Amino acid sequence: MDAAPAARSEAGLIHQRCRWCGTASFRRLLCPVCASSDMDTVRSEGVGVVVRSSVVHRYTEAARNESFVRLPEGFVFRCRVVGAAPHLVHVGARVRPLAESESDPEAGAEVVLELCDPVGHAEWR
């Protein structure tokens, strides 16, 4: 039996949803719309879309991708996209949470997403 679909179903991005106005947000203490602190923690199960992508070289010798991704819940956040060479991640590419990610986004760690339709060379994965 393949464990990948089960792991993929458990993968997801944890975000907050305001109990007052229903606005979804990521890593916020207060709702960006109504300033309420009454937030529910929910898991996103949707596939995001890259809305901005760039290649950066800071803090490492190797180039890496830094993108802004919009999730179906309506919020945009900054993350790193893997699964292709950094310059091959394009606007409109579909991305999903990395199933084997051990980092905890709530603890301030970098959020890493992977391309749904990977392109490029295997050494960039």
PDB file of N, CA and C in Angstrom:
ATOM      1  N   MET A   1       0.841  -1.177   0.000  1.00  0.00           N
ATOM      2  CA  MET A   1       0.000   0.000   0.000  1.00  0.00           C
ATOM      3  C   MET A   1       0.887   1.241   0.000  1.00  0.00           C
ATOM      4  N   ASP A   2       0.566   2.217  -0.802  1.00  0.00           N
ATOM      5  CA  ASP A   2       1.373   3.430  -0.944  1.00  0.00           C
ATOM      6  C   ASP A   2       1.044   4.413   0.172  1.00  0.00           C
ATOM      7  N   ALA A   3       2.075   4.875   0.890  1.00  0.00           N
ATOM      8  CA  ALA A   3       1.880   5.805   2.011  1.00  0.00           C
ATOM      9  C   ALA A   3       1.847   7.250   1.545  1.00  0.00           C
ATOM     10  N   ALA A   4       2.255   7.521   0.305  1.00  0.00           N
ATOM     11  CA  ALA A   4       2.313   8.907  -0.183  1.00  0.00           C
ATOM     12  C   ALA A   4       0.947   9.593  -0.191  1.00  0.00           C
ATOM     13  N   PRO A   5      -0.148   8.967  -0.672  1.00  0.00           N
ATOM     14  CA  PRO A   5      -1.443   9.645  -0.630  1.00  0.00           C
ATOM     15  C   PRO A   5      -1.890   9.965   0.789  1.00  0.00           C
ATOM     16  N   ALA A   6      -1.601   9.072   1.735  1.00  0.00           N
ATOM     17  CA  ALA A   6      -1.970   9.330   3.129  1.00  0.00           C
ATOM     18  C   ALA A   6      -1.177  10.496   3.674  1.00  0.00           C
ATOM     19  N   ALA A   7       0.117  10.538   3.376  1.00  0.00           N
ATOM     20  CA  ALA A   7       0.955  11.649   3.833  1.00  0.00           C
ATOM     21  C   ALA A   7       0.507  12.947   3.169  1.00  0.00           C
ATOM     22  N   ARG A   8       0.135  12.884   1.903  1.00  0.00           N
ATOM     23  CA  ARG A   8      -0.308  14.073   1.176  1.00  0.00           C
ATOM     24  C   ARG A   8      -1.605  14.608   1.771  1.00  0.00           C
ATOM     25  N   SER A   9      -2.495  13.716   2.217  1.00  0.00           N
ATOM     26  CA  SER A   9      -3.760  14.169   2.800  1.00  0.00           C
ATOM     27  C   SER A   9      -3.533  14.827   4.157  1.00  0.00           C
ATOM     28  N   GLU A  10      -2.465  14.427   4.864  1.00  0.00           N
ATOM     29  CA  GLU A  10      -2.141  15.042   6.148  1.00  0.00           C
ATOM     30  C   GLU A  10      -1.411  16.364   5.959  1.00  0.00           C
ATOM     31  N   ALA A  11      -0.796  16.562   4.803  1.00  0.00           N
ATOM     32  CA  ALA A  11      -0.076  17.803   4.547  1.00  0.00           C
ATOM     33  C   ALA A  11      -1.076  18.936   4.377  1.00  0.00           C
ATOM     34  N   GLY A  12      -0.676  20.086   4.747  1.00  0.00           N
ATOM     35  CA  GLY A  12      -1.530  21.240   4.608  1.00  0.00           C
ATOM     36  C   GLY A  12      -0.896  22.410   5.323  1.00  0.00           C
ATOM     37  N   LEU A  13      -1.351  23.569   5.021  1.00  0.00           N
ATOM     38  CA  LEU A  13      -0.796  24.767   5.618  1.00  0.00           C
ATOM     39  C   LEU A  13      -1.740  25.254   6.707  1.00  0.00           C
ATOM     40  N   ILE A  14      -1.216  25.438   7.894  1.00  0.00           N
ATOM     41  CA  ILE A  14      -2.016  25.904   9.017  1.00  0.00           C
ATOM     42  C   ILE A  14      -2.133  27.426   8.928  1.00  0.00           C
ATOM     43  N   HIS A  15      -3.353  27.929   9.001  1.00  0.00           N
ATOM     44  CA  HIS A  15      -3.581  29.375   8.975  1.00  0.00           C
ATOM     45  C   HIS A  15      -4.707  29.716   9.947  1.00  0.00           C
ATOM     46  N   GLN A  16      -5.026  30.981  10.058  1.00  0.00           N
ATOM     47  CA  GLN A  16      -6.075  31.422  10.967  1.00  0.00           C
ATOM     48  C   GLN A  16      -7.282  31.935  10.190  1.00  0.00           C
ATOM     49  N   ARG A  17      -8.462  31.769  10.798  1.00  0.00           N
ATOM     50  CA  ARG A  17      -9.703  32.318  10.240  1.00  0.00           C
ATOM     51  C   ARG A  17     -10.403  33.066  11.366  1.00  0.00           C
ATOM     52  N   CYS A  18     -10.764  34.318  11.099  1.00  0.00           N
ATOM     53  CA  CYS A  18     -11.418  35.172  12.092  1.00  0.00           C
ATOM     54  C   CYS A  18     -12.815  34.626  12.389  1.00  0.00           C
ATOM     55  N   ARG A  19     -13.143  34.506  13.661  1.00  0.00           N
ATOM     56  CA  ARG A  19     -14.472  34.022  14.049  1.00  0.00           C
ATOM     57  C   ARG A  19     -15.539  35.083  13.852  1.00  0.00           C
ATOM     58  N   TRP A  20     -15.141  36.349  13.766  1.00  0.00           N
ATOM     59  CA  TRP A  20     -16.115  37.435  13.614  1.00  0.00           C
ATOM     60  C   TRP A  20     -16.481  37.697  12.162  1.00  0.00           C
ATOM     61  N   CYS A  21     -15.465  37.882  11.324  1.00  0.00           N
ATOM     62  CA  CYS A  21     -15.780  38.258   9.931  1.00  0.00           C
ATOM     63  C   CYS A  21     -15.444  37.165   8.920  1.00  0.00           C
ATOM     64  N   GLY A  22     -14.745  36.093   9.356  1.00  0.00           N
ATOM     65  CA  GLY A  22     -14.452  34.976   8.466  1.00  0.00           C
ATOM     66  C   GLY A  22     -13.244  35.158   7.573  1.00  0.00           C
ATOM     67  N   THR A  23     -12.468  36.206   7.763  1.00  0.00           N
ATOM     68  CA  THR A  23     -11.298  36.465   6.934  1.00  0.00           C
ATOM     69  C   THR A  23     -10.181  35.481   7.267  1.00  0.00           C
ATOM     70  N   ALA A  24      -9.572  34.907   6.239  1.00  0.00           N
ATOM     71  CA  ALA A  24      -8.438  34.006   6.431  1.00  0.00           C
ATOM     72  C   ALA A  24      -7.157  34.828   6.405  1.00  0.00           C
ATOM     73  N   SER A  25      -6.197  34.449   7.259  1.00  0.00           N
ATOM     74  CA  SER A  25      -4.905  35.128   7.284  1.00  0.00           C
ATOM     75  C   SER A  25      -3.833  34.133   7.686  1.00  0.00           C
ATOM     76  N   PHE A  26      -2.578  34.522   7.503  1.00  0.00           N
ATOM     77  CA  PHE A  26      -1.462  33.640   7.783  1.00  0.00           C
ATOM     78  C   PHE A  26      -0.492  34.337   8.717  1.00  0.00           C
ATOM     79  N   ARG A  27      -0.209  33.697   9.857  1.00  0.00           N
ATOM     80  CA  ARG A  27       0.716  34.218  10.869  1.00  0.00           C
ATOM     81  C   ARG A  27       0.349  35.620  11.334  1.00  0.00           C
ATOM     82  N   ARG A  28      -0.873  35.792  11.756  1.00  0.00           N
ATOM     83  CA  ARG A  28      -1.347  37.072  12.278  1.00  0.00           C
ATOM     84  C   ARG A  28      -1.893  36.889  13.681  1.00  0.00           C
ATOM     85  N   LEU A  29      -1.689  37.899  14.518  1.00  0.00           N
ATOM     86  CA  LEU A  29      -2.282  37.885  15.852  1.00  0.00           C
ATOM     87  C   LEU A  29      -3.678  38.485  15.831  1.00  0.00           C
ATOM     88  N   LEU A  30      -3.876  39.453  14.931  1.00  0.00           N
ATOM     89  CA  LEU A  30      -5.168  40.110  14.794  1.00  0.00           C
ATOM     90  C   LEU A  30      -5.672  39.957  13.368  1.00  0.00           C
ATOM     91  N   CYS A  31      -6.980  39.939  13.217  1.00  0.00           N
ATOM     92  CA  CYS A  31      -7.589  39.880  11.889  1.00  0.00           C
ATOM     93  C   CYS A  31      -7.213  41.149  11.122  1.00  0.00           C
ATOM     94  N   PRO A  32      -6.747  41.027   9.872  1.00  0.00           N
ATOM     95  CA  PRO A  32      -6.371  42.210   9.095  1.00  0.00           C
ATOM     96  C   PRO A  32      -7.569  43.053   8.661  1.00  0.00           C
ATOM     97  N   VAL A  33      -8.793  42.541   8.795  1.00  0.00           N
ATOM     98  CA  VAL A  33      -9.986  43.281   8.378  1.00  0.00           C
ATOM     99  C   VAL A  33     -10.673  43.959   9.556  1.00  0.00           C
ATOM    100  N   CYS A  34     -10.964  43.187  10.623  1.00  0.00           N
ATOM    101  CA  CYS A  34     -11.746  43.743  11.734  1.00  0.00           C
ATOM    102  C   CYS A  34     -10.942  43.903  13.031  1.00  0.00           C
ATOM    103  N   ALA A  35      -9.671  43.499  13.027  1.00  0.00           N
ATOM    104  CA  ALA A  35      -8.766  43.617  14.175  1.00  0.00           C
ATOM    105  C   ALA A  35      -9.193  42.763  15.373  1.00  0.00           C
ATOM    106  N   SER A  36     -10.006  41.761  15.151  1.00  0.00           N
ATOM    107  CA  SER A  36     -10.393  40.848  16.226  1.00  0.00           C
ATOM    108  C   SER A  36      -9.227  39.910  16.540  1.00  0.00           C
ATOM    109  N   SER A  37      -9.107  39.521  17.792  1.00  0.00           N
ATOM    110  CA  SER A  37      -8.089  38.542  18.173  1.00  0.00           C
ATOM    111  C   SER A  37      -8.698  37.143  18.327  1.00  0.00           C
ATOM    112  N   ASP A  38      -9.969  37.010  18.036  1.00  0.00           N
ATOM    113  CA  ASP A  38     -10.679  35.736  18.160  1.00  0.00           C
ATOM    114  C   ASP A  38     -10.510  34.954  16.852  1.00  0.00           C
ATOM    115  N   MET A  39      -9.427  34.166  16.783  1.00  0.00           N
ATOM    116  CA  MET A  39      -9.074  33.466  15.555  1.00  0.00           C
ATOM    117  C   MET A  39      -9.119  31.954  15.766  1.00  0.00           C
ATOM    118  N   ASP A  40      -9.647  31.238  14.776  1.00  0.00           N
ATOM    119  CA  ASP A  40      -9.617  29.777  14.749  1.00  0.00           C
ATOM    120  C   ASP A  40      -8.400  29.334  13.946  1.00  0.00           C
ATOM    121  N   THR A  41      -7.796  28.228  14.315  1.00  0.00           N
ATOM    122  CA  THR A  41      -6.702  27.648  13.543  1.00  0.00           C
ATOM    123  C   THR A  41      -7.289  26.572  12.645  1.00  0.00           C
ATOM    124  N   VAL A  42      -7.023  26.689  11.341  1.00  0.00           N
ATOM    125  CA  VAL A  42      -7.553  25.744  10.357  1.00  0.00           C
ATOM    126  C   VAL A  42      -6.438  25.292   9.423  1.00  0.00           C
ATOM    127  N   ARG A  43      -6.656  24.159   8.777  1.00  0.00           N
ATOM    128  CA  ARG A  43      -5.681  23.607   7.829  1.00  0.00           C
ATOM    129  C   ARG A  43      -6.193  23.806   6.406  1.00  0.00           C
ATOM    130  N   SER A  44      -5.345  24.381   5.573  1.00  0.00           N
ATOM    131  CA  SER A  44      -5.684  24.560   4.169  1.00  0.00           C
ATOM    132  C   SER A  44      -5.431  23.249   3.436  1.00  0.00           C
ATOM    133  N   GLU A  45      -6.362  22.850   2.619  1.00  0.00           N
ATOM    134  CA  GLU A  45      -6.199  21.626   1.848  1.00  0.00           C
ATOM    135  C   GLU A  45      -6.082  21.910   0.360  1.00  0.00           C
ATOM    136  N   GLY A  46      -6.183  23.181   0.005  1.00  0.00           N
ATOM    137  CA  GLY A  46      -6.178  23.545  -1.397  1.00  0.00           C
ATOM    138  C   GLY A  46      -4.801  23.680  -1.999  1.00  0.00           C
ATOM    139  N   VAL A  47      -4.795  23.785  -3.293  1.00  0.00           N
ATOM    140  CA  VAL A  47      -3.588  23.987  -4.065  1.00  0.00           C
ATOM    141  C   VAL A  47      -3.448  25.483  -4.312  1.00  0.00           C
ATOM    142  N   GLY A  48      -2.270  26.028  -4.024  1.00  0.00           N
ATOM    143  CA  GLY A  48      -2.024  27.450  -4.214  1.00  0.00           C
ATOM    144  C   GLY A  48      -1.526  27.762  -5.612  1.00  0.00           C
ATOM    145  N   VAL A  49      -1.475  29.061  -5.923  1.00  0.00           N
ATOM    146  CA  VAL A  49      -1.005  29.531  -7.219  1.00  0.00           C
ATOM    147  C   VAL A  49       0.057  30.599  -6.985  1.00  0.00           C
ATOM    148  N   VAL A  50       1.177  30.480  -7.687  1.00  0.00           N
ATOM    149  CA  VAL A  50       2.255  31.459  -7.573  1.00  0.00           C
ATOM    150  C   VAL A  50       1.798  32.764  -8.227  1.00  0.00           C
ATOM    151  N   VAL A  51       1.877  33.878  -7.480  1.00  0.00           N
ATOM    152  CA  VAL A  51       1.497  35.178  -8.035  1.00  0.00           C
ATOM    153  C   VAL A  51       2.714  36.069  -8.271  1.00  0.00           C
ATOM    154  N   ARG A  52       3.853  35.721  -7.670  1.00  0.00           N
ATOM    155  CA  ARG A  52       5.101  36.445  -7.902  1.00  0.00           C
ATOM    156  C   ARG A  52       6.239  35.501  -7.582  1.00  0.00           C
ATOM    157  N   SER A  53       7.277  35.510  -8.403  1.00  0.00           N
ATOM    158  CA  SER A  53       8.394  34.609  -8.197  1.00  0.00           C
ATOM    159  C   SER A  53       9.699  35.315  -8.513  1.00  0.00           C
ATOM    160  N   SER A  54      10.716  35.063  -7.687  1.00  0.00           N
ATOM    161  CA  SER A  54      12.031  35.643  -7.952  1.00  0.00           C
ATOM    162  C   SER A  54      13.110  34.678  -7.495  1.00  0.00           C
ATOM    163  N   VAL A  55      14.312  34.864  -8.024  1.00  0.00           N
ATOM    164  CA  VAL A  55      15.469  34.067  -7.651  1.00  0.00           C
ATOM    165  C   VAL A  55      16.329  34.925  -6.732  1.00  0.00           C
ATOM    166  N   VAL A  56      16.693  34.389  -5.563  1.00  0.00           N
ATOM    167  CA  VAL A  56      17.510  35.136  -4.604  1.00  0.00           C
ATOM    168  C   VAL A  56      18.788  34.367  -4.310  1.00  0.00           C
ATOM    169  N   HIS A  57      19.822  35.114  -3.934  1.00  0.00           N
ATOM    170  CA  HIS A  57      21.125  34.533  -3.618  1.00  0.00           C
ATOM    171  C   HIS A  57      21.576  34.875  -2.202  1.00  0.00           C
ATOM    172  N   ARG A  58      20.755  35.528  -1.418  1.00  0.00           N
ATOM    173  CA  ARG A  58      21.213  35.954  -0.096  1.00  0.00           C
ATOM    174  C   ARG A  58      21.242  34.802   0.904  1.00  0.00           C
ATOM    175  N   TYR A  59      22.197  34.859   1.795  1.00  0.00           N
ATOM    176  CA  TYR A  59      22.404  33.906   2.892  1.00  0.00           C
ATOM    177  C   TYR A  59      22.852  32.516   2.461  1.00  0.00           C
ATOM    178  N   THR A  60      22.954  32.254   1.179  1.00  0.00           N
ATOM    179  CA  THR A  60      23.436  30.950   0.701  1.00  0.00           C
ATOM    180  C   THR A  60      24.283  31.167  -0.544  1.00  0.00           C
ATOM    181  N   GLU A  61      25.124  30.189  -0.838  1.00  0.00           N
ATOM    182  CA  GLU A  61      25.914  30.266  -2.067  1.00  0.00           C
ATOM    183  C   GLU A  61      25.090  29.881  -3.290  1.00  0.00           C
ATOM    184  N   ALA A  62      24.114  29.024  -3.095  1.00  0.00           N
ATOM    185  CA  ALA A  62      23.277  28.560  -4.204  1.00  0.00           C
ATOM    186  C   ALA A  62      22.041  29.449  -4.345  1.00  0.00           C
ATOM    187  N   ALA A  63      21.586  29.595  -5.568  1.00  0.00           N
ATOM    188  CA  ALA A  63      20.364  30.358  -5.818  1.00  0.00           C
ATOM    189  C   ALA A  63      19.163  29.567  -5.328  1.00  0.00           C
ATOM    190  N   ARG A  64      18.138  30.294  -4.883  1.00  0.00           N
ATOM    191  CA  ARG A  64      16.900  29.633  -4.472  1.00  0.00           C
ATOM    192  C   ARG A  64      15.728  30.491  -4.893  1.00  0.00           C
ATOM    193  N   ASN A  65      14.562  29.869  -4.905  1.00  0.00           N
ATOM    194  CA  ASN A  65      13.352  30.570  -5.312  1.00  0.00           C
ATOM    195  C   ASN A  65      12.664  31.173  -4.101  1.00  0.00           C
ATOM    196  N   GLU A  66      12.121  32.358  -4.280  1.00  0.00           N
ATOM    197  CA  GLU A  66      11.277  32.985  -3.264  1.00  0.00           C
ATOM    198  C   GLU A  66      10.028  33.479  -3.990  1.00  0.00           C
ATOM    199  N   SER A  67       8.874  33.013  -3.538  1.00  0.00           N
ATOM    200  CA  SER A  67       7.632  33.306  -4.249  1.00  0.00           C
ATOM    201  C   SER A  67       6.546  33.794  -3.309  1.00  0.00           C
ATOM    202  N   PHE A  68       5.583  34.492  -3.880  1.00  0.00           N
ATOM    203  CA  PHE A  68       4.353  34.820  -3.177  1.00  0.00           C
ATOM    204  C   PHE A  68       3.282  33.909  -3.754  1.00  0.00           C
ATOM    205  N   VAL A  69       2.550  33.240  -2.863  1.00  0.00           N
ATOM    206  CA  VAL A  69       1.554  32.252  -3.276  1.00  0.00           C
ATOM    207  C   VAL A  69       0.194  32.638  -2.716  1.00  0.00           C
ATOM    208  N   ARG A  70      -0.844  32.525  -3.549  1.00  0.00           N
ATOM    209  CA  ARG A  70      -2.222  32.763  -3.118  1.00  0.00           C
ATOM    210  C   ARG A  70      -2.909  31.415  -2.946  1.00  0.00           C
ATOM    211  N   LEU A  71      -3.492  31.212  -1.773  1.00  0.00           N
ATOM    212  CA  LEU A  71      -4.235  29.982  -1.505  1.00  0.00           C
ATOM    213  C   LEU A  71      -5.725  30.213  -1.747  1.00  0.00           C
ATOM    214  N   PRO A  72      -6.503  29.145  -1.946  1.00  0.00           N
ATOM    215  CA  PRO A  72      -7.937  29.286  -2.234  1.00  0.00           C
ATOM    216  C   PRO A  72      -8.703  30.014  -1.135  1.00  0.00           C
ATOM    217  N   GLU A  73      -8.162  30.021   0.091  1.00  0.00           N
ATOM    218  CA  GLU A  73      -8.829  30.709   1.200  1.00  0.00           C
ATOM    219  C   GLU A  73      -8.753  32.222   1.056  1.00  0.00           C
ATOM    220  N   GLY A  74      -7.883  32.720   0.162  1.00  0.00           N
ATOM    221  CA  GLY A  74      -7.864  34.138  -0.158  1.00  0.00           C
ATOM    222  C   GLY A  74      -6.685  34.936   0.353  1.00  0.00           C
ATOM    223  N   PHE A  75      -5.729  34.320   1.023  1.00  0.00           N
ATOM    224  CA  PHE A  75      -4.588  35.084   1.503  1.00  0.00           C
ATOM    225  C   PHE A  75      -3.338  34.762   0.695  1.00  0.00           C
ATOM    226  N   VAL A  76      -2.394  35.715   0.705  1.00  0.00           N
ATOM    227  CA  VAL A  76      -1.131  35.586  -0.008  1.00  0.00           C
ATOM    228  C   VAL A  76      -0.018  35.579   1.034  1.00  0.00           C
ATOM    229  N   PHE A  77       0.987  34.747   0.838  1.00  0.00           N
ATOM    230  CA  PHE A  77       2.117  34.705   1.759  1.00  0.00           C
ATOM    231  C   PHE A  77       3.392  34.381   0.999  1.00  0.00           C
ATOM    232  N   ARG A  78       4.527  34.670   1.633  1.00  0.00           N
ATOM    233  CA  ARG A  78       5.835  34.442   1.034  1.00  0.00           C
ATOM    234  C   ARG A  78       6.332  33.050   1.429  1.00  0.00           C
ATOM    235  N   CYS A  79       6.938  32.343   0.475  1.00  0.00           N
ATOM    236  CA  CYS A  79       7.449  31.004   0.740  1.00  0.00           C
ATOM    237  C   CYS A  79       8.549  30.659  -0.254  1.00  0.00           C
ATOM    238  N   ARG A  80       9.122  29.493  -0.079  1.00  0.00           N
ATOM    239  CA  ARG A  80      10.103  28.964  -1.015  1.00  0.00           C
ATOM    240  C   ARG A  80       9.437  27.821  -1.771  1.00  0.00           C
ATOM    241  N   VAL A  81       9.621  27.775  -3.092  1.00  0.00           N
ATOM    242  CA  VAL A  81       9.031  26.725  -3.917  1.00  0.00           C
ATOM    243  C   VAL A  81      10.149  25.815  -4.406  1.00  0.00           C
ATOM    244  N   VAL A  82       9.967  24.514  -4.224  1.00  0.00           N
ATOM    245  CA  VAL A  82      10.945  23.522  -4.667  1.00  0.00           C
ATOM    246  C   VAL A  82      10.302  22.622  -5.724  1.00  0.00           C
ATOM    247  N   GLY A  83      11.124  21.837  -6.395  1.00  0.00           N
ATOM    248  CA  GLY A  83      10.620  20.919  -7.414  1.00  0.00           C
ATOM    249  C   GLY A  83      11.084  21.277  -8.805  1.00  0.00           C
ATOM    250  N   ALA A  84      11.796  22.399  -8.934  1.00  0.00           N
ATOM    251  CA  ALA A  84      12.332  22.824 -10.220  1.00  0.00           C
ATOM    252  C   ALA A  84      13.465  23.807  -9.949  1.00  0.00           C
ATOM    253  N   ALA A  85      14.229  24.090 -10.971  1.00  0.00           N
ATOM    254  CA  ALA A  85      15.268  25.112 -10.846  1.00  0.00           C
ATOM    255  C   ALA A  85      14.602  26.428 -10.438  1.00  0.00           C
ATOM    256  N   PRO A  86      15.258  27.237  -9.612  1.00  0.00           N
ATOM    257  CA  PRO A  86      14.628  28.472  -9.119  1.00  0.00           C
ATOM    258  C   PRO A  86      14.093  29.383 -10.229  1.00  0.00           C
ATOM    259  N   HIS A  87      14.782  29.451 -11.358  1.00  0.00           N
ATOM    260  CA  HIS A  87      14.338  30.329 -12.449  1.00  0.00           C
ATOM    261  C   HIS A  87      13.194  29.729 -13.271  1.00  0.00           C
ATOM    262  N   LEU A  88      12.839  28.461 -13.027  1.00  0.00           N
ATOM    263  CA  LEU A  88      11.753  27.820 -13.768  1.00  0.00           C
ATOM    264  C   LEU A  88      10.403  27.894 -13.057  1.00  0.00           C
ATOM    265  N   VAL A  89      10.370  28.432 -11.839  1.00  0.00           N
ATOM    266  CA  VAL A  89       9.095  28.618 -11.132  1.00  0.00           C
ATOM    267  C   VAL A  89       8.458  29.875 -11.702  1.00  0.00           C
ATOM    268  N   HIS A  90       7.295  29.745 -12.290  1.00  0.00           N
ATOM    269  CA  HIS A  90       6.679  30.868 -12.995  1.00  0.00           C
ATOM    270  C   HIS A  90       5.347  31.269 -12.357  1.00  0.00           C
ATOM    271  N   VAL A  91       4.941  32.474 -12.648  1.00  0.00           N
ATOM    272  CA  VAL A  91       3.644  32.973 -12.184  1.00  0.00           C
ATOM    273  C   VAL A  91       2.555  32.102 -12.798  1.00  0.00           C
ATOM    274  N   GLY A  92       1.612  31.671 -11.976  1.00  0.00           N
ATOM    275  CA  GLY A  92       0.531  30.802 -12.430  1.00  0.00           C
ATOM    276  C   GLY A  92       0.781  29.329 -12.143  1.00  0.00           C
ATOM    277  N   ALA A  93       1.991  28.985 -11.708  1.00  0.00           N
ATOM    278  CA  ALA A  93       2.291  27.583 -11.385  1.00  0.00           C
ATOM    279  C   ALA A  93       1.497  27.162 -10.156  1.00  0.00           C
ATOM    280  N   ARG A  94       0.999  25.941 -10.177  1.00  0.00           N
ATOM    281  CA  ARG A  94       0.250  25.405  -9.036  1.00  0.00           C
ATOM    282  C   ARG A  94       1.225  24.777  -8.047  1.00  0.00           C
ATOM    283  N   VAL A  95       1.033  25.050  -6.761  1.00  0.00           N
ATOM    284  CA  VAL A  95       1.903  24.510  -5.712  1.00  0.00           C
ATOM    285  C   VAL A  95       1.067  23.920  -4.592  1.00  0.00           C
ATOM    286  N   ARG A  96       1.689  23.013  -3.822  1.00  0.00           N
ATOM    287  CA  ARG A  96       1.015  22.368  -2.694  1.00  0.00           C
ATOM    288  C   ARG A  96       2.010  22.269  -1.536  1.00  0.00           C
ATOM    289  N   PRO A  97       1.502  22.099  -0.332  1.00  0.00           N
ATOM    290  CA  PRO A  97       2.397  21.932   0.819  1.00  0.00           C
ATOM    291  C   PRO A  97       3.271  20.698   0.655  1.00  0.00           C
ATOM    292  N   LEU A  98       4.493  20.810   1.075  1.00  0.00           N
ATOM    293  CA  LEU A  98       5.443  19.717   0.999  1.00  0.00           C
ATOM    294  C   LEU A  98       5.069  18.660   2.027  1.00  0.00           C
ATOM    295  N   ALA A  99       4.784  17.431   1.574  1.00  0.00           N
ATOM    296  CA  ALA A  99       4.289  16.376   2.455  1.00  0.00           C
ATOM    297  C   ALA A  99       5.303  15.977   3.515  1.00  0.00           C
ATOM    298  N   GLU A 100       6.575  15.906   3.147  1.00  0.00           N
ATOM    299  CA  GLU A 100       7.572  15.437   4.101  1.00  0.00           C
ATOM    300  C   GLU A 100       8.228  16.571   4.873  1.00  0.00           C
ATOM    301  N   SER A 101       7.635  17.746   4.849  1.00  0.00           N
ATOM    302  CA  SER A 101       8.210  18.886   5.558  1.00  0.00           C
ATOM    303  C   SER A 101       8.107  18.672   7.061  1.00  0.00           C
ATOM    304  N   GLU A 102       9.231  18.806   7.745  1.00  0.00           N
ATOM    305  CA  GLU A 102       9.278  18.660   9.190  1.00  0.00           C
ATOM    306  C   GLU A 102       9.218  20.014   9.883  1.00  0.00           C
ATOM    307  N   SER A 103       9.302  21.103   9.103  1.00  0.00           N
ATOM    308  CA  SER A 103       9.309  22.416   9.730  1.00  0.00           C
ATOM    309  C   SER A 103       7.906  22.802  10.180  1.00  0.00           C
ATOM    310  N   ASP A 104       7.851  23.554  11.263  1.00  0.00           N
ATOM    311  CA  ASP A 104       6.583  23.996  11.826  1.00  0.00           C
ATOM    312  C   ASP A 104       6.365  25.455  11.452  1.00  0.00           C
ATOM    313  N   PRO A 105       5.442  25.772  10.509  1.00  0.00           N
ATOM    314  CA  PRO A 105       5.228  27.156  10.090  1.00  0.00           C
ATOM    315  C   PRO A 105       4.826  28.065  11.247  1.00  0.00           C
ATOM    316  N   GLU A 106       4.169  27.514  12.265  1.00  0.00           N
ATOM    317  CA  GLU A 106       3.753  28.334  13.391  1.00  0.00           C
ATOM    318  C   GLU A 106       4.940  28.775  14.232  1.00  0.00           C
ATOM    319  N   ALA A 107       6.052  28.049  14.161  1.00  0.00           N
ATOM    320  CA  ALA A 107       7.222  28.373  14.968  1.00  0.00           C
ATOM    321  C   ALA A 107       8.121  29.393  14.275  1.00  0.00           C
ATOM    322  N   GLY A 108       7.698  29.931  13.148  1.00  0.00           N
ATOM    323  CA  GLY A 108       8.475  30.943  12.450  1.00  0.00           C
ATOM    324  C   GLY A 108       9.415  30.376  11.406  1.00  0.00           C
ATOM    325  N   ALA A 109       9.355  29.077  11.152  1.00  0.00           N
ATOM    326  CA  ALA A 109      10.219  28.463  10.150  1.00  0.00           C
ATOM    327  C   ALA A 109       9.762  28.877   8.753  1.00  0.00           C
ATOM    328  N   GLU A 110      10.672  28.754   7.810  1.00  0.00           N
ATOM    329  CA  GLU A 110      10.353  29.074   6.424  1.00  0.00           C
ATOM    330  C   GLU A 110       9.333  28.077   5.876  1.00  0.00           C
ATOM    331  N   VAL A 111       8.348  28.563   5.168  1.00  0.00           N
ATOM    332  CA  VAL A 111       7.333  27.704   4.558  1.00  0.00           C
ATOM    333  C   VAL A 111       7.867  27.238   3.207  1.00  0.00           C
ATOM    334  N   VAL A 112       7.809  25.932   2.963  1.00  0.00           N
ATOM    335  CA  VAL A 112       8.287  25.352   1.716  1.00  0.00           C
ATOM    336  C   VAL A 112       7.124  24.646   1.035  1.00  0.00           C
ATOM    337  N   LEU A 113       6.888  24.994  -0.227  1.00  0.00           N
ATOM    338  CA  LEU A 113       5.858  24.356  -1.040  1.00  0.00           C
ATOM    339  C   LEU A 113       6.538  23.695  -2.226  1.00  0.00           C
ATOM    340  N   GLU A 114       5.837  22.740  -2.838  1.00  0.00           N
ATOM    341  CA  GLU A 114       6.389  22.072  -4.013  1.00  0.00           C
ATOM    342  C   GLU A 114       5.466  22.270  -5.206  1.00  0.00           C
ATOM    343  N   LEU A 115       6.059  22.231  -6.389  1.00  0.00           N
ATOM    344  CA  LEU A 115       5.276  22.358  -7.614  1.00  0.00           C
ATOM    345  C   LEU A 115       4.399  21.129  -7.801  1.00  0.00           C
ATOM    346  N   CYS A 116       3.171  21.335  -8.233  1.00  0.00           N
ATOM    347  CA  CYS A 116       2.283  20.206  -8.530  1.00  0.00           C
ATOM    348  C   CYS A 116       2.718  19.507  -9.808  1.00  0.00           C
ATOM    349  N   ASP A 117       3.196  20.278 -10.761  1.00  0.00           N
ATOM    350  CA  ASP A 117       3.664  19.749 -12.044  1.00  0.00           C
ATOM    351  C   ASP A 117       5.134  20.094 -12.186  1.00  0.00           C
ATOM    352  N   PRO A 118       6.041  19.293 -11.586  1.00  0.00           N
ATOM    353  CA  PRO A 118       7.464  19.641 -11.595  1.00  0.00           C
ATOM    354  C   PRO A 118       8.051  19.649 -12.990  1.00  0.00           C
ATOM    355  N   VAL A 119       8.981  20.574 -13.175  1.00  0.00           N
ATOM    356  CA  VAL A 119       9.717  20.688 -14.435  1.00  0.00           C
ATOM    357  C   VAL A 119      11.187  20.813 -14.089  1.00  0.00           C
ATOM    358  N   GLY A 120      12.035  20.652 -15.050  1.00  0.00           N
ATOM    359  CA  GLY A 120      13.451  20.867 -14.803  1.00  0.00           C
ATOM    360  C   GLY A 120      14.201  19.583 -14.483  1.00  0.00           C
ATOM    361  N   HIS A 121      15.384  19.762 -13.932  1.00  0.00           N
ATOM    362  CA  HIS A 121      16.286  18.660 -13.677  1.00  0.00           C
ATOM    363  C   HIS A 121      16.090  18.088 -12.271  1.00  0.00           C
ATOM    364  N   ALA A 122      16.402  16.801 -12.127  1.00  0.00           N
ATOM    365  CA  ALA A 122      16.223  16.110 -10.858  1.00  0.00           C
ATOM    366  C   ALA A 122      17.132  16.657  -9.757  1.00  0.00           C
ATOM    367  N   GLU A 123      18.289  17.225 -10.121  1.00  0.00           N
ATOM    368  CA  GLU A 123      19.205  17.708  -9.092  1.00  0.00           C
ATOM    369  C   GLU A 123      18.694  18.945  -8.380  1.00  0.00           C
ATOM    370  N   TRP A 124      17.630  19.575  -8.839  1.00  0.00           N
ATOM    371  CA  TRP A 124      17.069  20.755  -8.176  1.00  0.00           C
ATOM    372  C   TRP A 124      16.015  20.376  -7.162  1.00  0.00           C
ATOM    373  N   ARG A 125      15.636  19.133  -7.043  1.00  0.00           N
ATOM    374  CA  ARG A 125      14.584  18.717  -6.122  1.00  0.00           C
ATOM    375  C   ARG A 125      15.074  18.571  -4.722  1.00  0.00           C
TER     376      ARG A 125
END
